[in-house]
Amino acid sequence: MAVYTYILQLLDAKGTWSNLRDPHTGAVADGFFGVVDAPEAMLVDIAQEVMKRAGETPLERRVLFFAGDRRKQRLTADDVCGVVTADGDRVVPYSDGAGSPATYTYAIQYLARGADGSEYWKIFGPDASGTLRSTSAAAQLAGAIVEHFMEGVDNPQHIVRVVVWTGDRANGPLRAEDSAAIAYHV
């Protein structure tokens, strides 16, 4: 058996992991930060129980574990010894600040011209948008999608961009000003 400190985090719409806080005190909400004395093999079950306490939420969740009793110490990403995600069945190492794949919505668009001469962005078609999970940052993901998409285009006729939003936004709205990243191919 070993002692671990745990904390629940939620991924907000902007792609930032945040601790669940009491709205009145600002402290981490009861039941989502604490210490357990358990074998490493039990950490997944403990994490799943902590995540259940948060109830139903569309936000992604994870539980970070730190070795030892760290309740009175400052917790940093460098000190995380493992992460369990909502769909995880094992403790994984903490890496690149994410700890788990994030959900992104993307749209591949081209610059179109209306009958009145005005320009607007239009999605290529039903297969040119969707939702995916990735451990990449939004900007890296947008760049990779536009690069992959343009590989099959011999003579591009339009300016193309890929817009990436954090979270599942399949039901909209998809406004560029709310995006996490945009990559262009001119």
Protein backbone atom coordinates (compact mmCIF):
# COMPACT_ATOMS: atom_id res chain seq x y z
CA MET A 1 0.00 0.00 0.00
CA ALA A 2 1.09 3.55 -0.69
CA VAL A 3 -0.29 7.01 0.01
CA TYR A 4 -1.50 9.13 -2.92
CA THR A 5 -3.07 12.57 -3.19
CA TYR A 6 -5.77 12.84 -5.85
CA ILE A 7 -7.59 15.71 -7.51
CA LEU A 8 -10.40 15.72 -10.09
CA GLN A 9 -10.13 18.01 -13.10
CA LEU A 10 -12.60 18.94 -15.86
CA LEU A 11 -11.76 20.04 -19.41
CA ASP A 12 -13.62 23.26 -20.19
CA ALA A 13 -14.81 24.41 -23.61
CA LYS A 14 -11.59 26.35 -24.17
CA GLY A 15 -9.49 23.20 -23.67
CA THR A 16 -8.18 24.06 -20.20
CA TRP A 17 -8.08 21.50 -17.38
CA SER A 18 -9.51 23.00 -14.20
CA ASN A 19 -10.13 21.84 -10.66
CA LEU A 20 -13.76 21.57 -9.59
CA ARG A 21 -14.21 24.41 -7.09
CA ASP A 22 -16.87 25.38 -4.58
CA PRO A 23 -18.53 28.50 -6.05
CA HIS A 24 -18.86 30.11 -2.61
CA THR A 25 -15.39 29.57 -1.16
CA GLY A 26 -13.22 29.05 -4.24
CA ALA A 27 -11.66 26.00 -2.57
CA VAL A 28 -11.52 22.65 -4.33
CA ALA A 29 -14.99 21.14 -3.88
CA ASP A 30 -15.44 18.50 -1.19
CA GLY A 31 -14.88 14.95 -2.37
CA PHE A 32 -12.72 15.89 -5.35
CA PHE A 33 -9.37 16.38 -3.59
CA GLY A 34 -7.95 14.11 -0.95
CA VAL A 35 -5.60 11.36 0.13
CA VAL A 36 -5.92 7.60 -0.18
CA ASP A 37 -3.81 4.77 1.18
CA ALA A 38 -4.13 2.08 -1.46
CA PRO A 39 -2.17 -0.20 -3.75
CA GLU A 40 -1.45 1.24 -7.19
CA ALA A 41 -3.74 -1.42 -8.70
CA MET A 42 -6.73 0.26 -6.96
CA LEU A 43 -6.12 3.77 -8.33
CA VAL A 44 -8.34 3.26 -11.39
CA ASP A 45 -11.28 2.21 -9.20
CA ILE A 46 -10.66 5.14 -6.85
CA ALA A 47 -10.50 7.58 -9.77
CA GLN A 48 -13.72 6.24 -11.29
CA GLU A 49 -15.47 6.66 -7.92
CA VAL A 50 -14.21 10.26 -7.62
CA MET A 51 -15.44 11.03 -11.16
CA LYS A 52 -18.88 9.57 -10.38
CA ARG A 53 -19.23 12.12 -7.58
CA ALA A 54 -19.22 14.90 -10.18
CA GLY A 55 -22.45 13.52 -11.68
CA GLU A 56 -23.38 13.82 -15.33
CA THR A 57 -21.44 16.44 -17.25
CA PRO A 58 -20.57 16.88 -20.94
CA LEU A 59 -17.05 17.90 -19.90
CA GLU A 60 -14.16 15.47 -20.08
CA ARG A 61 -12.77 14.43 -16.69
CA ARG A 62 -9.58 13.09 -15.26
CA VAL A 63 -8.10 12.36 -11.87
CA LEU A 64 -4.47 13.25 -11.21
CA PHE A 65 -2.49 11.30 -8.63
CA PHE A 66 0.55 12.54 -6.70
CA ALA A 67 2.80 10.32 -4.59
CA GLY A 68 2.41 10.93 -0.86
CA ASP A 69 0.18 13.21 1.19
CA ARG A 70 0.39 16.52 -0.72
CA ARG A 71 -2.68 18.27 0.71
CA LYS A 72 -0.64 21.06 2.31
CA GLN A 73 1.78 21.47 -0.61
CA ARG A 74 1.62 23.22 -3.93
CA LEU A 75 0.75 20.69 -6.64
CA THR A 76 2.45 21.09 -10.01
CA ALA A 77 2.35 19.18 -13.27
CA ASP A 78 5.93 18.04 -12.63
CA ASP A 79 4.77 16.15 -9.55
CA VAL A 80 1.96 14.14 -11.15
CA CYS A 81 2.72 10.44 -10.96
CA GLY A 82 -0.30 9.22 -12.93
CA VAL A 83 -3.60 10.10 -14.59
CA VAL A 84 -6.87 8.22 -15.00
CA THR A 85 -9.38 9.50 -17.57
CA ALA A 86 -13.14 8.96 -17.55
CA ASP A 87 -12.85 6.23 -20.16
CA GLY A 88 -9.54 4.97 -18.83
CA ASP A 89 -8.97 1.50 -17.49
CA ARG A 90 -5.42 2.10 -16.28
CA VAL A 91 -3.17 4.72 -14.73
CA VAL A 92 -1.16 6.43 -17.46
CA PRO A 93 1.87 8.69 -17.13
CA TYR A 94 1.23 12.41 -17.24
CA SER A 95 2.53 13.87 -20.50
CA ASP A 96 2.40 17.09 -22.56
CA GLY A 97 0.07 18.80 -20.11
CA ALA A 98 -2.96 16.90 -21.35
CA GLY A 99 -2.79 13.49 -19.74
CA SER A 100 -5.41 12.17 -22.12
CA PRO A 101 -6.76 12.81 -25.60
CA ALA A 102 -9.05 15.80 -25.89
CA THR A 103 -12.13 16.03 -28.09
CA TYR A 104 -12.01 18.48 -30.97
CA THR A 105 -14.47 19.54 -33.65
CA TYR A 106 -13.04 20.59 -37.00
CA ALA A 107 -14.28 22.03 -40.29
CA ILE A 108 -12.39 22.21 -43.60
CA GLN A 109 -13.50 25.37 -45.37
CA TYR A 110 -12.76 27.29 -48.55
CA LEU A 111 -13.12 30.97 -49.34
CA ALA A 112 -16.16 31.33 -51.60
CA ARG A 113 -17.55 34.32 -53.43
CA GLY A 114 -21.23 35.19 -53.36
CA ALA A 115 -23.25 36.45 -56.35
CA ASP A 116 -22.85 39.98 -54.98
CA GLY A 117 -19.06 39.61 -54.89
CA SER A 118 -18.83 39.21 -51.11
CA GLU A 119 -16.49 36.55 -49.72
CA TYR A 120 -17.42 34.00 -47.08
CA TRP A 121 -16.08 30.71 -45.68
CA LYS A 122 -17.93 27.57 -46.75
CA ILE A 123 -17.47 23.97 -45.57
CA PHE A 124 -16.36 21.70 -48.44
CA GLY A 125 -19.07 19.14 -47.74
CA PRO A 126 -20.49 16.72 -45.18
CA ASP A 127 -17.24 14.74 -44.98
CA ALA A 128 -15.18 17.90 -44.43
CA SER A 129 -16.13 18.36 -40.80
CA GLY A 130 -16.44 16.20 -37.73
CA THR A 131 -15.29 15.37 -34.24
CA LEU A 132 -12.14 13.53 -33.23
CA ARG A 133 -9.95 12.86 -30.21
CA SER A 134 -6.29 13.80 -30.14
CA THR A 135 -3.47 14.42 -27.71
CA SER A 136 -2.12 17.15 -30.01
CA ALA A 137 -2.60 20.81 -29.27
CA ALA A 138 -5.35 22.47 -31.34
CA ALA A 139 -2.90 24.42 -33.53
CA GLN A 140 -0.87 21.29 -34.33
CA LEU A 141 -4.06 19.40 -35.12
CA ALA A 142 -5.36 22.15 -37.45
CA GLY A 143 -2.04 22.22 -39.31
CA ALA A 144 -1.97 18.43 -39.68
CA ILE A 145 -5.56 18.29 -40.97
CA VAL A 146 -5.06 21.02 -43.59
CA GLU A 147 -1.77 19.42 -44.71
CA HIS A 148 -3.38 15.98 -45.00
CA PHE A 149 -6.42 17.38 -46.83
CA MET A 150 -4.29 19.29 -49.36
CA GLU A 151 -2.13 16.22 -50.15
CA GLY A 152 -4.82 14.98 -52.53
CA VAL A 153 -5.37 18.35 -54.22
CA ASP A 154 -3.20 18.82 -57.33
CA ASN A 155 -4.33 22.28 -58.34
CA PRO A 156 -6.02 24.16 -55.50
CA GLN A 157 -8.63 26.61 -56.74
CA HIS A 158 -9.45 28.16 -53.36
CA ILE A 159 -7.84 29.42 -50.20
CA VAL A 160 -8.43 26.62 -47.69
CA ARG A 161 -8.51 26.73 -43.92
CA VAL A 162 -9.15 24.25 -41.12
CA VAL A 163 -10.89 25.59 -38.05
CA VAL A 164 -10.59 23.59 -34.82
CA TRP A 165 -12.73 24.00 -31.71
CA THR A 166 -12.24 22.23 -28.39
CA GLY A 167 -15.00 19.88 -27.33
CA ASP A 168 -17.76 18.20 -29.29
CA ARG A 169 -19.57 20.96 -31.17
CA ALA A 170 -21.30 18.74 -33.69
CA ASN A 171 -24.55 20.54 -32.86
CA GLY A 172 -22.95 23.98 -33.32
CA PRO A 173 -22.61 26.84 -33.29
CA LEU A 174 -19.33 26.83 -35.20
CA ARG A 175 -18.05 30.38 -35.22
CA ALA A 176 -14.43 31.05 -36.16
CA GLU A 177 -14.13 33.62 -33.36
CA ASP A 178 -14.77 30.82 -30.82
CA SER A 179 -12.16 28.49 -32.31
CA ALA A 180 -9.07 27.17 -30.58
CA ALA A 181 -6.97 27.29 -33.78
CA ILE A 182 -7.10 28.02 -37.50
CA ALA A 183 -4.61 26.80 -40.12
CA TYR A 184 -4.57 28.13 -43.68
CA HIS A 185 -3.36 26.78 -47.03
CA VAL A 186 -3.02 29.55 -49.59
